[in-house]
Amino acid sequence: MDLAFAEAEAAAARGEVPVGAVVVDTASGVVLGRAGNRTEELNDPTAHAEVLAIRAACAVRGEPRLPDCDLYVTLEPCALCAAAISFARLRRVYFGAYDPKGGAVEHGPRFYTQPTCHHAPDVYGGIGETRAAGLLKGFFRDRRQE
């Protein structure tokens, strides 16, 4: 999770919403993909940290599914990211802060409980929640003061 926080902090330094994600091969412990949000930089509404980390991991593996991998992310995934996680067949998701407004795992549509969801990973929320929430609150507080 520390690597995900490092990606979130780097995203904040670029002016992006501070969310970071890391995909880890569970057998070897090797990091296959890591990223922070880049939606502003790339002018791409899908350039969320989770999506970018999953893309990187799939590129390393040369395959579209990662069933023996886990995702660590600093914020509860949104619907876009929850779908990408499901399609990639990730084994587990560990996330930091809960997101009552935009989250889609424990909040909102609760993506993985829907009958149309083809794969539901094991989900563990609240990992480093205070730190993750603090990064986000500080980022948005600073934005409002500008």
C-alpha atoms as a PDB file:
ATOM      1  CA  MET A   1       0.000   0.000   0.000  1.00  0.00           C
ATOM      2  CA  ASP A   2       2.978   2.295   0.572  1.00  0.00           C
ATOM      3  CA  LEU A   3       3.708   2.206  -3.174  1.00  0.00           C
ATOM      4  CA  ALA A   4       0.102   3.175  -3.915  1.00  0.00           C
ATOM      5  CA  PHE A   5       0.465   6.122  -1.528  1.00  0.00           C
ATOM      6  CA  ALA A   6       3.670   7.168  -3.292  1.00  0.00           C
ATOM      7  CA  GLU A   7       1.775   7.161  -6.600  1.00  0.00           C
ATOM      8  CA  ALA A   8      -1.055   9.184  -5.044  1.00  0.00           C
ATOM      9  CA  GLU A   9       1.387  11.768  -3.728  1.00  0.00           C
ATOM     10  CA  ALA A  10       3.058  12.005  -7.150  1.00  0.00           C
ATOM     11  CA  ALA A  11      -0.373  12.492  -8.746  1.00  0.00           C
ATOM     12  CA  ALA A  12      -1.122  15.350  -6.332  1.00  0.00           C
ATOM     13  CA  ALA A  13       2.208  16.972  -7.198  1.00  0.00           C
ATOM     14  CA  ARG A  14       1.116  16.900 -10.880  1.00  0.00           C
ATOM     15  CA  GLY A  15      -2.198  18.554  -9.978  1.00  0.00           C
ATOM     16  CA  GLU A  16      -4.172  15.333 -10.290  1.00  0.00           C
ATOM     17  CA  VAL A  17      -6.624  13.990  -7.735  1.00  0.00           C
ATOM     18  CA  PRO A  18      -4.310  12.019  -5.412  1.00  0.00           C
ATOM     19  CA  VAL A  19      -5.198   8.415  -6.100  1.00  0.00           C
ATOM     20  CA  GLY A  20      -2.542   5.761  -6.588  1.00  0.00           C
ATOM     21  CA  ALA A  21      -2.746   2.090  -7.511  1.00  0.00           C
ATOM     22  CA  VAL A  22      -0.397  -0.879  -7.672  1.00  0.00           C
ATOM     23  CA  VAL A  23      -0.890  -4.365  -9.151  1.00  0.00           C
ATOM     24  CA  VAL A  24       1.139  -7.116  -7.481  1.00  0.00           C
ATOM     25  CA  ASP A  25       1.749 -10.708  -8.586  1.00  0.00           C
ATOM     26  CA  THR A  26       0.740 -12.622  -5.454  1.00  0.00           C
ATOM     27  CA  ALA A  27       3.045 -15.595  -6.057  1.00  0.00           C
ATOM     28  CA  SER A  28       6.255 -13.613  -6.515  1.00  0.00           C
ATOM     29  CA  GLY A  29       5.388 -10.319  -4.826  1.00  0.00           C
ATOM     30  CA  VAL A  30       6.588  -8.498  -7.940  1.00  0.00           C
ATOM     31  CA  VAL A  31       4.923  -5.190  -8.796  1.00  0.00           C
ATOM     32  CA  LEU A  32       3.598  -5.510 -12.345  1.00  0.00           C
ATOM     33  CA  GLY A  33       1.985  -2.090 -12.666  1.00  0.00           C
ATOM     34  CA  ARG A  34       1.785   1.132 -10.711  1.00  0.00           C
ATOM     35  CA  ALA A  35       0.198   4.459 -11.494  1.00  0.00           C
ATOM     36  CA  GLY A  36      -1.415   7.597 -10.190  1.00  0.00           C
ATOM     37  CA  ASN A  37      -4.307   9.464 -11.744  1.00  0.00           C
ATOM     38  CA  ARG A  38      -3.446  11.169 -15.055  1.00  0.00           C
ATOM     39  CA  THR A  39      -6.856  12.318 -16.306  1.00  0.00           C
ATOM     40  CA  GLU A  40      -5.834  15.986 -16.548  1.00  0.00           C
ATOM     41  CA  GLU A  41      -2.380  15.361 -17.979  1.00  0.00           C
ATOM     42  CA  LEU A  42      -3.626  12.965 -20.670  1.00  0.00           C
ATOM     43  CA  ASN A  43      -7.001  14.662 -21.246  1.00  0.00           C
ATOM     44  CA  ASP A  44      -8.466  11.216 -20.744  1.00  0.00           C
ATOM     45  CA  PRO A  45     -11.428  10.619 -18.422  1.00  0.00           C
ATOM     46  CA  THR A  46     -10.475   6.925 -18.209  1.00  0.00           C
ATOM     47  CA  ALA A  47      -6.892   7.584 -17.016  1.00  0.00           C
ATOM     48  CA  HIS A  48      -7.692   6.598 -13.438  1.00  0.00           C
ATOM     49  CA  ALA A  49      -4.876   5.108 -11.366  1.00  0.00           C
ATOM     50  CA  GLU A  50      -6.465   1.653 -11.287  1.00  0.00           C
ATOM     51  CA  VAL A  51      -7.001   1.505 -15.047  1.00  0.00           C
ATOM     52  CA  LEU A  52      -3.454   2.647 -15.778  1.00  0.00           C
ATOM     53  CA  ALA A  53      -1.934   0.171 -13.300  1.00  0.00           C
ATOM     54  CA  ILE A  54      -4.024  -2.678 -14.746  1.00  0.00           C
ATOM     55  CA  ARG A  55      -2.990  -1.726 -18.297  1.00  0.00           C
ATOM     56  CA  ALA A  56       0.674  -1.723 -17.266  1.00  0.00           C
ATOM     57  CA  ALA A  57       0.371  -5.110 -15.538  1.00  0.00           C
ATOM     58  CA  CYS A  58      -1.400  -6.641 -18.531  1.00  0.00           C
ATOM     59  CA  ALA A  59       1.305  -5.285 -20.829  1.00  0.00           C
ATOM     60  CA  VAL A  60       4.021  -6.869 -18.667  1.00  0.00           C
ATOM     61  CA  ARG A  61       2.190 -10.187 -18.675  1.00  0.00           C
ATOM     62  CA  GLY A  62       1.101  -9.987 -22.301  1.00  0.00           C
ATOM     63  CA  GLU A  63      -2.402 -11.060 -21.369  1.00  0.00           C
ATOM     64  CA  PRO A  64      -5.711  -9.359 -20.558  1.00  0.00           C
ATOM     65  CA  ARG A  65      -6.451 -11.134 -17.286  1.00  0.00           C
ATOM     66  CA  LEU A  66      -4.601 -11.136 -13.964  1.00  0.00           C
ATOM     67  CA  PRO A  67      -6.281 -13.810 -11.801  1.00  0.00           C
ATOM     68  CA  ASP A  68      -3.259 -14.307  -9.563  1.00  0.00           C
ATOM     69  CA  CYS A  69      -2.751 -10.613  -8.864  1.00  0.00           C
ATOM     70  CA  ASP A  70      -3.950  -8.149  -6.245  1.00  0.00           C
ATOM     71  CA  LEU A  71      -4.666  -4.437  -6.577  1.00  0.00           C
ATOM     72  CA  TYR A  72      -3.802  -1.888  -3.901  1.00  0.00           C
ATOM     73  CA  VAL A  73      -5.481   1.493  -4.354  1.00  0.00           C
ATOM     74  CA  THR A  74      -5.799   4.513  -2.088  1.00  0.00           C
ATOM     75  CA  LEU A  75      -9.504   5.173  -2.772  1.00  0.00           C
ATOM     76  CA  GLU A  76     -12.564   2.962  -3.146  1.00  0.00           C
ATOM     77  CA  PRO A  77     -12.860   2.225  -6.893  1.00  0.00           C
ATOM     78  CA  CYS A  78     -15.507   3.996  -8.965  1.00  0.00           C
ATOM     79  CA  ALA A  79     -17.783   2.134 -11.387  1.00  0.00           C
ATOM     80  CA  LEU A  80     -15.294   2.467 -14.274  1.00  0.00           C
ATOM     81  CA  CYS A  81     -12.472   1.018 -12.187  1.00  0.00           C
ATOM     82  CA  ALA A  82     -14.641  -1.657 -10.580  1.00  0.00           C
ATOM     83  CA  ALA A  83     -15.542  -2.880 -14.065  1.00  0.00           C
ATOM     84  CA  ALA A  84     -11.902  -2.886 -15.188  1.00  0.00           C
ATOM     85  CA  ILE A  85     -10.950  -4.833 -12.046  1.00  0.00           C
ATOM     86  CA  SER A  86     -13.678  -7.364 -12.765  1.00  0.00           C
ATOM     87  CA  PHE A  87     -12.724  -7.728 -16.435  1.00  0.00           C
ATOM     88  CA  ALA A  88      -9.060  -8.203 -15.478  1.00  0.00           C
ATOM     89  CA  ARG A  89     -10.164 -10.937 -13.044  1.00  0.00           C
ATOM     90  CA  LEU A  90      -8.001  -9.549 -10.236  1.00  0.00           C
ATOM     91  CA  ARG A  91      -7.973 -11.795  -7.170  1.00  0.00           C
ATOM     92  CA  ARG A  92      -8.221  -9.161  -4.429  1.00  0.00           C
ATOM     93  CA  VAL A  93      -8.655  -5.416  -4.049  1.00  0.00           C
ATOM     94  CA  TYR A  94      -7.297  -3.538  -1.051  1.00  0.00           C
ATOM     95  CA  PHE A  95      -8.362   0.094  -0.833  1.00  0.00           C
ATOM     96  CA  GLY A  96      -7.751   2.992   1.521  1.00  0.00           C
ATOM     97  CA  ALA A  97     -10.461   5.629   1.850  1.00  0.00           C
ATOM     98  CA  TYR A  98     -14.138   4.891   1.374  1.00  0.00           C
ATOM     99  CA  ASP A  99     -15.876   7.066  -1.221  1.00  0.00           C
ATOM    100  CA  PRO A 100     -19.574   7.615  -0.410  1.00  0.00           C
ATOM    101  CA  LYS A 101     -20.050   9.885  -3.463  1.00  0.00           C
ATOM    102  CA  GLY A 102     -18.153   8.120  -6.226  1.00  0.00           C
ATOM    103  CA  GLY A 103     -17.324   4.680  -4.910  1.00  0.00           C
ATOM    104  CA  ALA A 104     -18.918   1.673  -6.567  1.00  0.00           C
ATOM    105  CA  VAL A 105     -17.728  -1.186  -4.374  1.00  0.00           C
ATOM    106  CA  GLU A 106     -19.057  -0.467  -0.884  1.00  0.00           C
ATOM    107  CA  HIS A 107     -21.178   2.511  -2.003  1.00  0.00           C
ATOM    108  CA  GLY A 108     -23.342   3.491  -4.963  1.00  0.00           C
ATOM    109  CA  PRO A 109     -24.047   0.616  -7.337  1.00  0.00           C
ATOM    110  CA  ARG A 110     -22.055  -1.947  -5.319  1.00  0.00           C
ATOM    111  CA  PHE A 111     -20.767  -3.276  -8.615  1.00  0.00           C
ATOM    112  CA  TYR A 112     -19.602  -6.689  -7.420  1.00  0.00           C
ATOM    113  CA  THR A 113     -23.003  -7.628  -5.982  1.00  0.00           C
ATOM    114  CA  GLN A 114     -24.809  -7.110  -9.287  1.00  0.00           C
ATOM    115  CA  PRO A 115     -26.001 -10.210 -11.165  1.00  0.00           C
ATOM    116  CA  THR A 116     -24.401  -8.833 -14.345  1.00  0.00           C
ATOM    117  CA  CYS A 117     -20.936  -8.825 -12.738  1.00  0.00           C
ATOM    118  CA  HIS A 118     -18.930 -11.741 -14.155  1.00  0.00           C
ATOM    119  CA  HIS A 119     -16.124 -11.710 -11.570  1.00  0.00           C
ATOM    120  CA  ALA A 120     -16.070 -10.312  -8.055  1.00  0.00           C
ATOM    121  CA  PRO A 121     -12.698 -10.040  -6.340  1.00  0.00           C
ATOM    122  CA  ASP A 122     -12.270 -10.281  -2.601  1.00  0.00           C
ATOM    123  CA  VAL A 123     -12.405  -6.695  -1.298  1.00  0.00           C
ATOM    124  CA  TYR A 124     -10.761  -5.227   1.791  1.00  0.00           C
ATOM    125  CA  GLY A 125     -11.467  -1.561   2.512  1.00  0.00           C
ATOM    126  CA  GLY A 126     -10.115   0.933   4.987  1.00  0.00           C
ATOM    127  CA  ILE A 127      -6.420   0.006   4.586  1.00  0.00           C
ATOM    128  CA  GLY A 128      -4.603   3.225   5.496  1.00  0.00           C
ATOM    129  CA  GLU A 129      -7.947   5.018   5.445  1.00  0.00           C
ATOM    130  CA  THR A 130      -6.860   7.981   7.572  1.00  0.00           C
ATOM    131  CA  ARG A 131      -3.801   8.652   5.426  1.00  0.00           C
ATOM    132  CA  ALA A 132      -5.753   8.277   2.164  1.00  0.00           C
ATOM    133  CA  ALA A 133      -8.598  10.511   3.333  1.00  0.00           C
ATOM    134  CA  GLY A 134      -6.097  13.094   4.554  1.00  0.00           C
ATOM    135  CA  LEU A 135      -4.404  13.258   1.147  1.00  0.00           C
ATOM    136  CA  LEU A 136      -7.731  13.797  -0.585  1.00  0.00           C
ATOM    137  CA  LYS A 137      -9.058  16.350   1.890  1.00  0.00           C
ATOM    138  CA  GLY A 138      -5.818  18.323   1.778  1.00  0.00           C
ATOM    139  CA  PHE A 139      -5.779  18.298  -2.014  1.00  0.00           C
ATOM    140  CA  PHE A 140      -9.337  19.603  -2.346  1.00  0.00           C
ATOM    141  CA  ARG A 141      -8.904  22.136   0.476  1.00  0.00           C
ATOM    142  CA  ASP A 142      -5.858  23.557  -1.329  1.00  0.00           C
ATOM    143  CA  ARG A 143      -7.789  23.658  -4.634  1.00  0.00           C
ATOM    144  CA  ARG A 144     -10.618  25.656  -3.054  1.00  0.00           C
ATOM    145  CA  GLN A 145      -8.133  28.233  -1.730  1.00  0.00           C
ATOM    146  CA  GLU A 146      -6.605  28.878  -5.155  1.00  0.00           C
END
